[in-house]
Amino acid sequence: MAIHKGRGFACVNYPIGMNLGGDPSQALVHATPDGKFMVTLSSIDLGQGMKSVTRQIAAEALGVSVSDVHVDTADSDTGPHCMGSFASRGTHRVGNAVIRAATEARAQLLEAAAEEMEVDAADLVTDGSGNIHVRGAPSRAITVADTAIAAQFRQGRTLAGRGIFLVPPSDADPETGEMSPVTCFAHAALVVDLEVDDETGEVTVQSIHSAYEVGRALNPRLVEQQLIGGAWMGLSHALFETTEPVYPERDPAPLDFNSYVMPGPGDIPDHHVAVLERPAPDAPYGGKGPGEMCANPVLPAVANAIYNAVGVRCDTLPITPERILRGLRELGGARPGGWSGGNFGGTGNPNGAEPRTGSGDGAGNGHGDGHGTRPAWMATGR
């Protein structure tokens, strides 16, 4: 009996937002009487930082301090329409809508300031600290707060903007069907190093090294935290999350998804993250956002590392100790470095005989002149 080390790699080419065009998001921006700005969205913050990043985007487009911007996502009935918080679309779709709404509100702000200062609005700029001044003459200035007060109580002017972002549907080539389903992709590559105990089937992840290309990291600390948290989620999917009894102790058995096993602080490995910035032309200030891509490459990388460590190829998640032990039994013991016969989805013989002809589909069905059968250990509940 021994501890076997394995390394697994996976990479992701991830589409941002829903496919085939459409996928709109809207935003509203208005000034309050004291010169603050409210961004109203129906896009919900699930903990991924939606409020933080849209607040930054709005402040940049308005030309004011982030502290002067607030984001309200409280009510989808009264807020502007949004398709939802999914498909890694938040930063790209909602951010673009916020830029358009904030740009319209900024134009109203400068018009109101120009009226107070008796200058042309085209000659005015903001300093990002709550002031509006004549370009090249910082001493000729008015505060954003005074402008908002004047607009609402003297000029009778609304300082507000509306924005919508909609990816136009892609035309399909009538001959080939070729089209552009999305406008930009994010990318990731990830390496997992782990150990497998061939006596207990337990897996211990030692470290994760990853590189993510996210366009532009609009909030670098938030991006890093999301990447690390997403990898934890991927690790949980890969090795832990099941409502079946915990191996090797079958009591107490989890009853539902509120009580199943998840990795705790002691199970989280060292994670070394590299963030690559390649701003996307149609993204808000170049940022695409990491989204679901944080978790996706972890699952195949863990599966590949286990295969590399002991030769067991699992195509069912989570990869529990029992599944690994059943695979080892089928193999007749650990085969470090992976097994040249292929995976257990129908392309090879786990008993060491000559591999079957044809390619497997990962579900236990071979193609060509061989018909692979799914090993018994894959068909078990664990």
Protein backbone atom coordinates (compact mmCIF):
# COMPACT_ATOMS: atom_id res chain seq x y z
CA MET A 1 0.00 0.00 0.00
CA ALA A 2 1.36 3.41 -0.92
CA ILE A 3 0.73 7.11 -1.49
CA HIS A 4 0.86 8.01 -5.19
CA LYS A 5 1.49 11.51 -6.51
CA GLY A 6 -0.28 12.76 -9.61
CA ARG A 7 -0.48 15.89 -11.72
CA GLY A 8 -3.41 16.90 -13.88
CA PHE A 9 -3.92 19.70 -16.39
CA ALA A 10 -6.99 21.29 -17.92
CA CYS A 11 -7.67 24.39 -19.98
CA VAL A 12 -10.82 26.35 -20.79
CA ASN A 13 -11.96 28.52 -23.67
CA TYR A 14 -15.04 30.10 -22.10
CA PRO A 15 -17.77 32.09 -23.94
CA ILE A 16 -19.00 35.21 -22.16
CA GLY A 17 -22.78 35.45 -21.93
CA MET A 18 -25.52 33.55 -23.70
CA ASN A 19 -25.00 32.30 -27.23
CA LEU A 20 -26.55 33.31 -30.55
CA GLY A 21 -27.10 37.01 -29.88
CA GLY A 22 -29.64 38.82 -27.76
CA ASP A 23 -29.05 38.53 -24.01
CA PRO A 24 -29.91 42.15 -23.09
CA SER A 25 -29.31 44.00 -19.84
CA GLN A 26 -30.55 47.45 -18.89
CA ALA A 27 -29.44 50.03 -16.33
CA LEU A 28 -30.78 53.31 -14.94
CA VAL A 29 -28.63 56.05 -13.39
CA HIS A 30 -29.89 59.19 -11.65
CA ALA A 31 -28.50 61.88 -9.38
CA THR A 32 -29.83 62.54 -5.90
CA PRO A 33 -30.31 66.13 -4.62
CA ASP A 34 -26.95 66.00 -2.78
CA GLY A 35 -24.94 65.07 -5.86
CA LYS A 36 -24.68 61.33 -5.32
CA PHE A 37 -25.61 58.88 -8.06
CA MET A 38 -27.86 55.84 -7.84
CA VAL A 39 -27.44 52.95 -10.28
CA THR A 40 -30.60 50.83 -10.50
CA LEU A 41 -30.28 47.26 -11.78
CA SER A 42 -32.25 44.05 -11.80
CA SER A 43 -28.98 42.11 -12.00
CA ILE A 44 -28.54 40.30 -8.71
CA ASP A 45 -25.30 40.14 -6.77
CA LEU A 46 -24.82 36.48 -5.81
CA GLY A 47 -21.58 37.20 -4.01
CA GLN A 48 -19.61 37.51 -7.25
CA GLY A 49 -19.09 41.27 -6.83
CA MET A 50 -21.76 42.61 -9.19
CA LYS A 51 -22.42 45.68 -7.04
CA SER A 52 -18.74 46.47 -6.60
CA VAL A 53 -17.75 46.26 -10.25
CA THR A 54 -20.82 48.12 -11.61
CA ARG A 55 -20.21 50.82 -9.01
CA GLN A 56 -16.66 51.24 -10.29
CA ILE A 57 -17.80 51.25 -13.91
CA ALA A 58 -20.48 53.87 -13.22
CA ALA A 59 -18.04 56.12 -11.33
CA GLU A 60 -15.54 55.95 -14.19
CA ALA A 61 -18.17 56.79 -16.81
CA LEU A 62 -19.69 59.61 -14.72
CA GLY A 63 -16.31 61.05 -13.78
CA VAL A 64 -17.02 61.03 -10.05
CA SER A 65 -15.65 59.24 -7.00
CA VAL A 66 -16.68 55.63 -6.34
CA SER A 67 -17.84 56.77 -2.90
CA ASP A 68 -20.46 58.97 -4.59
CA VAL A 69 -22.08 56.04 -6.41
CA HIS A 70 -24.54 53.55 -4.95
CA VAL A 71 -25.99 50.46 -6.64
CA ASP A 72 -29.53 49.23 -6.00
CA THR A 73 -30.41 45.68 -7.06
CA ALA A 74 -33.34 45.27 -4.69
CA ASP A 75 -36.35 44.73 -6.94
CA SER A 76 -36.61 43.13 -10.38
CA ASP A 77 -40.26 44.27 -10.63
CA THR A 78 -39.44 47.98 -10.52
CA GLY A 79 -35.89 47.83 -11.84
CA PRO A 80 -34.87 47.77 -15.50
CA HIS A 81 -34.96 44.44 -17.31
CA CYS A 82 -32.02 42.04 -17.11
CA MET A 83 -31.72 38.47 -18.36
CA GLY A 84 -30.15 37.38 -15.07
CA SER A 85 -26.95 36.62 -13.16
CA PHE A 86 -25.62 33.58 -15.01
CA ALA A 87 -23.45 32.60 -17.97
CA SER A 88 -20.59 34.81 -16.71
CA ARG A 89 -22.40 37.73 -18.29
CA GLY A 90 -22.54 40.24 -15.44
CA THR A 91 -19.44 42.36 -16.02
CA HIS A 92 -19.75 42.31 -19.81
CA ARG A 93 -23.49 42.76 -20.38
CA VAL A 94 -24.47 44.77 -17.30
CA GLY A 95 -21.26 46.78 -17.29
CA ASN A 96 -21.86 47.94 -20.85
CA ALA A 97 -25.44 48.93 -19.99
CA VAL A 98 -24.18 50.91 -16.99
CA ILE A 99 -21.66 52.77 -19.15
CA ARG A 100 -24.40 53.84 -21.55
CA ALA A 101 -26.72 54.97 -18.76
CA ALA A 102 -23.94 56.79 -16.92
CA THR A 103 -22.75 58.50 -20.10
CA GLU A 104 -26.24 59.88 -20.69
CA ALA A 105 -26.50 61.06 -17.07
CA ARG A 106 -23.05 62.69 -17.29
CA ALA A 107 -24.15 64.66 -20.34
CA GLN A 108 -27.11 66.02 -18.35
CA LEU A 109 -24.77 66.84 -15.45
CA LEU A 110 -22.43 68.86 -17.66
CA GLU A 111 -25.34 70.69 -19.30
CA ALA A 112 -26.60 71.74 -15.88
CA ALA A 113 -23.11 72.85 -14.80
CA ALA A 114 -22.65 74.78 -18.03
CA GLU A 115 -25.89 76.67 -17.41
CA GLU A 116 -24.73 77.63 -13.92
CA MET A 117 -21.27 78.69 -15.09
CA GLU A 118 -22.45 80.27 -18.36
CA VAL A 119 -20.02 78.28 -20.49
CA ASP A 120 -20.28 75.64 -23.20
CA ALA A 121 -20.84 72.11 -21.84
CA ALA A 122 -18.27 70.79 -24.32
CA ASP A 123 -15.61 72.80 -22.46
CA LEU A 124 -16.27 71.15 -19.10
CA VAL A 125 -14.53 68.17 -17.50
CA THR A 126 -14.80 66.36 -14.17
CA ASP A 127 -11.86 65.73 -11.87
CA GLY A 128 -13.14 62.51 -10.29
CA SER A 129 -13.23 64.15 -6.85
CA GLY A 130 -16.62 65.85 -6.99
CA ASN A 131 -15.75 68.92 -9.07
CA ILE A 132 -16.55 70.14 -12.58
CA HIS A 133 -14.29 72.74 -14.15
CA VAL A 134 -13.47 74.42 -17.44
CA ARG A 135 -10.90 72.43 -19.38
CA GLY A 136 -7.50 74.01 -18.78
CA ALA A 137 -8.83 76.32 -16.06
CA PRO A 138 -9.29 74.33 -12.82
CA SER A 139 -10.09 77.50 -10.86
CA ARG A 140 -13.32 77.98 -12.83
CA ALA A 141 -15.23 75.19 -11.16
CA ILE A 142 -18.46 74.08 -9.55
CA THR A 143 -19.03 71.05 -7.39
CA VAL A 144 -21.14 68.11 -8.52
CA ALA A 145 -23.28 68.57 -5.42
CA ASP A 146 -23.99 72.25 -6.20
CA THR A 147 -24.77 71.29 -9.79
CA ALA A 148 -27.26 68.65 -8.67
CA ILE A 149 -28.96 71.12 -6.32
CA ALA A 150 -29.17 73.76 -9.05
CA ALA A 151 -30.48 71.29 -11.61
CA GLN A 152 -33.31 70.02 -9.43
CA PHE A 153 -34.30 73.13 -7.48
CA ARG A 154 -33.54 75.99 -9.88
CA GLN A 155 -33.33 74.63 -13.43
CA GLY A 156 -36.01 71.93 -13.13
CA ARG A 157 -33.68 69.49 -14.85
CA THR A 158 -33.38 65.73 -14.33
CA LEU A 159 -29.88 64.31 -14.13
CA ALA A 160 -30.53 60.77 -15.30
CA GLY A 161 -29.62 58.25 -17.96
CA ARG A 162 -30.86 54.98 -19.41
CA GLY A 163 -28.73 52.26 -20.94
CA ILE A 164 -29.19 48.92 -22.61
CA PHE A 165 -26.64 46.53 -24.06
CA LEU A 166 -27.73 43.97 -26.60
CA VAL A 167 -25.48 41.72 -28.64
CA PRO A 168 -26.99 41.59 -32.13
CA PRO A 169 -27.83 38.12 -33.45
CA SER A 170 -25.16 36.58 -35.64
CA ASP A 171 -25.99 35.80 -39.25
CA ALA A 172 -25.33 32.20 -40.25
CA ASP A 173 -23.59 31.27 -43.49
CA PRO A 174 -26.34 29.52 -45.52
CA GLU A 175 -23.82 27.08 -46.98
CA THR A 176 -21.81 26.07 -43.92
CA GLY A 177 -23.89 27.25 -40.97
CA GLU A 178 -20.84 29.08 -39.64
CA MET A 179 -21.63 31.94 -37.27
CA SER A 180 -20.28 33.90 -34.29
CA PRO A 181 -22.22 32.75 -31.23
CA VAL A 182 -20.49 35.14 -28.81
CA THR A 183 -18.41 38.31 -29.10
CA CYS A 184 -15.61 37.41 -26.69
CA PHE A 185 -14.10 34.51 -24.79
CA ALA A 186 -12.18 34.21 -21.54
CA HIS A 187 -9.45 31.61 -21.08
CA ALA A 188 -7.87 29.58 -18.30
CA ALA A 189 -5.24 26.89 -17.73
CA LEU A 190 -4.87 25.02 -14.46
CA VAL A 191 -2.53 22.39 -12.97
CA VAL A 192 -3.44 20.29 -9.92
CA ASP A 193 -0.91 18.33 -7.85
CA LEU A 194 -2.39 15.72 -5.52
CA GLU A 195 -1.81 12.45 -3.68
CA VAL A 196 -3.93 9.28 -3.75
CA ASP A 197 -3.82 6.67 -1.00
CA ASP A 198 -4.28 3.32 -2.74
CA GLU A 199 -5.38 1.67 0.53
CA THR A 200 -8.20 4.08 1.46
CA GLY A 201 -8.87 5.75 -1.89
CA GLU A 202 -8.57 9.15 -0.25
CA VAL A 203 -7.36 12.10 -2.34
CA THR A 204 -5.36 14.99 -0.90
CA VAL A 205 -4.91 17.99 -3.17
CA GLN A 206 -1.50 19.54 -2.53
CA SER A 207 -1.54 22.62 -4.72
CA ILE A 208 -3.18 24.39 -7.63
CA HIS A 209 -1.40 26.58 -10.16
CA SER A 210 -3.62 28.52 -12.52
CA ALA A 211 -3.58 31.26 -15.12
CA TYR A 212 -6.75 33.14 -16.09
CA GLU A 213 -7.21 35.59 -18.93
CA VAL A 214 -10.11 37.85 -17.91
CA GLY A 215 -9.86 40.78 -20.31
CA ARG A 216 -8.98 43.51 -17.84
CA ALA A 217 -9.14 43.01 -14.09
CA LEU A 218 -11.34 45.97 -13.15
CA ASN A 219 -10.98 45.08 -9.45
CA PRO A 220 -7.82 42.94 -9.12
CA ARG A 221 -8.41 41.90 -5.50
CA LEU A 222 -12.00 40.92 -6.24
CA VAL A 223 -10.88 38.92 -9.28
CA GLU A 224 -8.26 37.05 -7.26
CA GLN A 225 -10.73 36.25 -4.49
CA GLN A 226 -13.28 35.01 -7.00
CA LEU A 227 -10.72 32.79 -8.73
CA ILE A 228 -9.63 31.22 -5.45
CA GLY A 229 -13.21 30.81 -4.23
CA GLY A 230 -14.29 29.36 -7.57
CA ALA A 231 -11.46 26.82 -7.44
CA TRP A 232 -12.67 25.78 -3.99
CA MET A 233 -16.13 25.25 -5.49
CA GLY A 234 -14.63 23.18 -8.31
CA LEU A 235 -12.69 21.09 -5.81
CA SER A 236 -15.90 20.52 -3.87
CA HIS A 237 -17.71 19.37 -7.01
CA ALA A 238 -14.85 17.09 -7.98
CA LEU A 239 -14.27 15.25 -4.71
CA PHE A 240 -16.91 15.93 -2.08
CA GLU A 241 -20.45 16.89 -2.97
CA THR A 242 -22.80 13.92 -2.74
CA THR A 243 -25.84 13.04 -0.68
CA GLU A 244 -24.62 9.48 -0.26
CA PRO A 245 -23.02 8.15 2.95
CA VAL A 246 -19.54 9.35 3.74
CA TYR A 247 -16.89 6.70 3.11
CA PRO A 248 -15.65 4.75 5.03
CA GLU A 249 -18.12 5.58 7.83
CA ARG A 250 -21.67 5.17 6.56
CA ASP A 251 -23.26 6.93 9.55
CA PRO A 252 -24.51 9.55 9.67
CA ALA A 253 -25.75 9.60 6.11
CA PRO A 254 -26.41 13.01 4.51
CA LEU A 255 -30.12 13.52 4.06
CA ASP A 256 -30.10 16.35 1.51
CA PHE A 257 -27.99 19.04 -0.11
CA ASN A 258 -27.89 20.99 3.16
CA SER A 259 -25.98 18.27 4.97
CA TYR A 260 -23.66 16.71 2.42
CA VAL A 261 -19.90 16.85 2.81
CA MET A 262 -18.00 19.89 1.59
CA PRO A 263 -14.32 20.78 1.92
CA GLY A 264 -13.40 22.74 5.02
CA PRO A 265 -10.53 25.17 5.56
CA GLY A 266 -8.11 22.28 6.12
CA ASP A 267 -8.94 20.82 2.70
CA ILE A 268 -8.19 23.97 0.72
CA PRO A 269 -4.77 23.69 -0.98
CA ASP A 270 -2.27 26.39 -1.79
CA HIS A 271 -3.45 28.18 -4.92
CA HIS A 272 -1.05 30.22 -7.03
CA VAL A 273 -2.97 32.47 -9.41
CA ALA A 274 -1.70 34.41 -12.43
CA VAL A 275 -4.15 36.90 -13.94
CA LEU A 276 -3.52 37.75 -17.58
CA GLU A 277 -5.05 40.91 -18.99
CA ARG A 278 -6.03 41.10 -22.66
CA PRO A 279 -8.75 43.80 -22.79
CA ALA A 280 -11.72 42.85 -24.96
CA PRO A 281 -12.74 45.54 -27.49
CA ASP A 282 -16.47 45.32 -26.75
CA ALA A 283 -16.18 44.85 -22.98
CA PRO A 284 -16.63 47.62 -20.37
CA TYR A 285 -13.13 49.10 -20.06
CA GLY A 286 -11.88 45.78 -21.40
CA GLY A 287 -13.16 43.61 -18.54
CA LYS A 288 -14.88 40.29 -19.28
CA GLY A 289 -15.10 38.91 -15.74
CA PRO A 290 -14.08 35.41 -14.57
CA GLY A 291 -17.54 34.05 -13.62
CA GLU A 292 -18.15 30.31 -13.93
CA MET A 293 -14.73 29.80 -15.47
CA CYS A 294 -13.24 29.93 -11.94
CA ALA A 295 -14.54 26.44 -11.13
CA ASN A 296 -14.71 24.72 -14.51
CA PRO A 297 -11.08 23.65 -15.12
CA VAL A 298 -10.63 22.25 -11.60
CA LEU A 299 -12.88 19.23 -12.17
CA PRO A 300 -11.10 17.76 -15.22
CA ALA A 301 -7.69 18.67 -13.80
CA VAL A 302 -8.42 16.69 -10.61
CA ALA A 303 -9.71 13.74 -12.65
CA ASN A 304 -6.60 13.82 -14.83
CA ALA A 305 -4.32 14.02 -11.78
CA ILE A 306 -5.97 10.97 -10.20
CA TYR A 307 -5.54 9.08 -13.48
CA ASN A 308 -1.90 10.14 -13.56
CA ALA A 309 -1.41 9.01 -9.96
CA VAL A 310 -3.03 5.55 -9.99
CA GLY A 311 -4.39 4.90 -13.49
CA VAL A 312 -8.07 5.09 -12.50
CA ARG A 313 -10.14 7.09 -15.00
CA CYS A 314 -13.37 8.32 -13.41
CA ASP A 315 -16.13 9.84 -15.54
CA THR A 316 -18.65 10.29 -12.72
CA LEU A 317 -18.51 13.02 -10.08
CA PRO A 318 -17.72 13.29 -7.30
CA ILE A 319 -14.64 11.07 -7.42
CA THR A 320 -15.13 9.41 -4.06
CA PRO A 321 -12.71 7.05 -2.29
CA GLU A 322 -15.04 4.14 -3.03
CA ARG A 323 -15.00 4.85 -6.78
CA ILE A 324 -11.21 4.99 -6.72
CA LEU A 325 -10.95 1.72 -4.80
CA ARG A 326 -13.34 -0.03 -7.18
CA GLY A 327 -11.27 1.26 -10.08
CA LEU A 328 -8.07 0.00 -8.46
CA ARG A 329 -9.64 -3.40 -7.97
CA GLU A 330 -10.61 -3.55 -11.66
CA LEU A 331 -7.03 -2.59 -12.58
CA GLY A 332 -5.48 -5.09 -10.20
CA GLY A 333 -3.66 -2.31 -8.38
CA ALA A 334 -2.37 1.19 -8.96
CA ARG A 335 -0.78 1.99 -12.30
CA PRO A 336 1.03 5.32 -11.78
CA GLY A 337 1.46 7.52 -14.82
CA GLY A 338 -1.91 6.59 -16.28
CA TRP A 339 -2.91 3.49 -18.20
CA SER A 340 -2.07 3.33 -21.87
CA GLY A 341 -5.21 1.35 -22.62
CA GLY A 342 -7.36 4.48 -22.43
CA ASN A 343 -10.22 5.45 -20.17
CA PHE A 344 -12.98 3.40 -18.63
CA GLY A 345 -15.62 4.91 -20.91
CA GLY A 346 -15.36 2.02 -23.38
CA THR A 347 -12.00 2.48 -25.13
CA GLY A 348 -9.91 -0.01 -23.20
CA ASN A 349 -10.01 -3.16 -21.17
CA PRO A 350 -9.49 -2.50 -17.43
CA ASN A 351 -8.35 -6.08 -16.93
CA GLY A 352 -5.23 -5.55 -18.99
CA ALA A 353 -6.26 -7.37 -22.19
CA GLU A 354 -5.82 -5.89 -25.61
CA PRO A 355 -7.77 -2.63 -25.91
CA ARG A 356 -10.99 -2.71 -27.89
CA THR A 357 -11.19 -1.17 -31.30
CA GLY A 358 -13.04 2.11 -31.71
CA SER A 359 -13.43 5.25 -29.66
CA GLY A 360 -15.36 5.64 -26.43
CA ASP A 361 -17.98 8.28 -25.82
CA GLY A 362 -17.27 8.62 -22.11
CA ALA A 363 -20.57 6.98 -21.19
CA GLY A 364 -19.48 3.38 -21.54
CA ASN A 365 -20.44 2.94 -25.18
CA GLY A 366 -17.69 2.08 -27.65
CA HIS A 367 -17.86 2.86 -31.34
CA GLY A 368 -16.49 1.13 -34.40
CA ASP A 369 -16.27 -2.66 -34.14
CA GLY A 370 -15.92 -2.70 -30.34
CA HIS A 371 -18.69 -2.11 -27.84
CA GLY A 372 -17.25 -1.21 -24.46
CA THR A 373 -19.19 -1.95 -21.32
CA ARG A 374 -19.21 0.37 -18.34
CA PRO A 375 -17.23 -1.18 -15.46
CA ALA A 376 -19.30 -2.13 -12.43
CA TRP A 377 -17.52 0.40 -10.20
CA MET A 378 -18.68 3.24 -12.45
CA ALA A 379 -22.30 2.19 -12.28
CA THR A 380 -22.44 2.17 -8.49
CA GLY A 381 -24.15 4.86 -6.49
CA ARG A 382 -20.75 6.04 -5.31
